[in-house]
Amino acid sequence: MTERLPPQSESSEIAFLGACLYDPELAVEEGVAADLKAGDFFKRSRGLVWRAILDLYHIKEAIDVVPFPDVPAKRGRADES
């Protein structure tokens, strides 16, 4: 049996993350957050962005690209920055 790559669409991942940055409540309230994990993204960096969006949403901090580097420290995961 050959190993298969997971389905991927770079433009879809980028568009999804952009939409979440624009309206993070939509993704969380529509249940996407419950099903989508950081490891589901093809590129690790996009998974980290997704996790940062969720972290910021859950600590009730405004979601913006500026605070992203500070997110792991705020959640007690300074080793992941």
Protein backbone atom coordinates (compact mmCIF):
# COMPACT_ATOMS: atom_id res chain seq x y z
CA MET A 1 0.00 0.00 0.00
CA THR A 2 1.43 3.38 -0.97
CA GLU A 3 1.38 6.35 1.37
CA ARG A 4 -0.88 9.13 0.17
CA LEU A 5 -0.53 12.85 0.79
CA PRO A 6 -3.50 14.52 2.43
CA PRO A 7 -5.61 16.70 0.17
CA GLN A 8 -4.20 20.18 0.01
CA SER A 9 -5.08 23.53 -1.42
CA GLU A 10 -2.69 26.27 -0.52
CA SER A 11 -5.04 29.00 -1.67
CA SER A 12 -7.93 27.51 0.34
CA GLU A 13 -5.89 27.37 3.54
CA ILE A 14 -4.72 30.95 3.09
CA ALA A 15 -8.23 32.18 2.26
CA PHE A 16 -9.67 30.39 5.29
CA LEU A 17 -7.11 31.89 7.66
CA GLY A 18 -7.64 35.33 6.13
CA ALA A 19 -11.38 35.00 6.68
CA CYS A 20 -10.77 33.97 10.29
CA LEU A 21 -8.58 37.02 10.84
CA TYR A 22 -11.35 39.16 9.41
CA ASP A 23 -14.17 37.51 11.41
CA PRO A 24 -12.86 35.00 13.97
CA GLU A 25 -16.23 34.51 15.63
CA LEU A 26 -17.65 33.03 12.47
CA ALA A 27 -15.21 30.11 12.49
CA VAL A 28 -15.55 29.48 16.22
CA GLU A 29 -19.31 29.89 16.46
CA GLU A 30 -20.03 27.82 13.36
CA GLY A 31 -18.23 24.84 14.88
CA VAL A 32 -15.21 24.82 12.60
CA ALA A 33 -12.89 25.22 15.57
CA ALA A 34 -14.17 22.01 17.12
CA ASP A 35 -13.28 19.98 14.04
CA LEU A 36 -10.18 21.68 12.67
CA LYS A 37 -6.84 21.18 14.41
CA ALA A 38 -3.49 22.83 13.75
CA GLY A 39 -2.15 19.53 12.42
CA ASP A 40 -4.83 19.47 9.73
CA PHE A 41 -3.07 22.21 7.78
CA PHE A 42 -0.61 21.08 5.14
CA LYS A 43 2.01 23.62 6.24
CA ARG A 44 2.93 23.75 9.92
CA SER A 45 3.15 27.55 9.84
CA ARG A 46 -0.53 27.79 8.86
CA GLY A 47 -1.44 25.45 11.69
CA LEU A 48 0.39 27.74 14.09
CA VAL A 49 -1.57 30.71 12.76
CA TRP A 50 -4.82 28.77 13.29
CA ARG A 51 -3.81 27.91 16.86
CA ALA A 52 -2.91 31.55 17.54
CA ILE A 53 -6.32 32.66 16.24
CA LEU A 54 -8.03 30.21 18.59
CA ASP A 55 -5.80 31.15 21.53
CA LEU A 56 -6.50 34.84 21.08
CA TYR A 57 -10.21 34.19 20.68
CA HIS A 58 -10.37 32.14 23.89
CA ILE A 59 -8.52 34.71 25.99
CA LYS A 60 -10.83 37.40 24.56
CA GLU A 61 -7.99 39.37 22.98
CA ALA A 62 -8.41 41.21 19.71
CA ILE A 63 -7.25 39.08 16.81
CA ASP A 64 -4.66 40.90 14.77
CA VAL A 65 -1.38 39.86 13.18
CA VAL A 66 0.59 42.16 15.50
CA PRO A 67 0.11 40.16 18.75
CA PHE A 68 0.76 36.75 17.15
CA PRO A 69 4.35 36.42 18.41
CA ASP A 70 3.10 37.03 21.97
CA VAL A 71 0.37 34.38 21.91
CA PRO A 72 2.41 31.38 23.16
CA ALA A 73 3.72 33.34 26.13
CA LYS A 74 0.21 34.49 27.05
CA ARG A 75 -0.99 30.89 27.03
CA GLY A 76 2.02 29.56 28.95
CA ARG A 77 3.73 28.03 25.94
CA ALA A 78 6.73 30.30 25.55
CA ASP A 79 8.74 27.43 24.06
CA GLU A 80 6.55 27.48 20.92
CA SER A 81 7.24 31.05 19.86
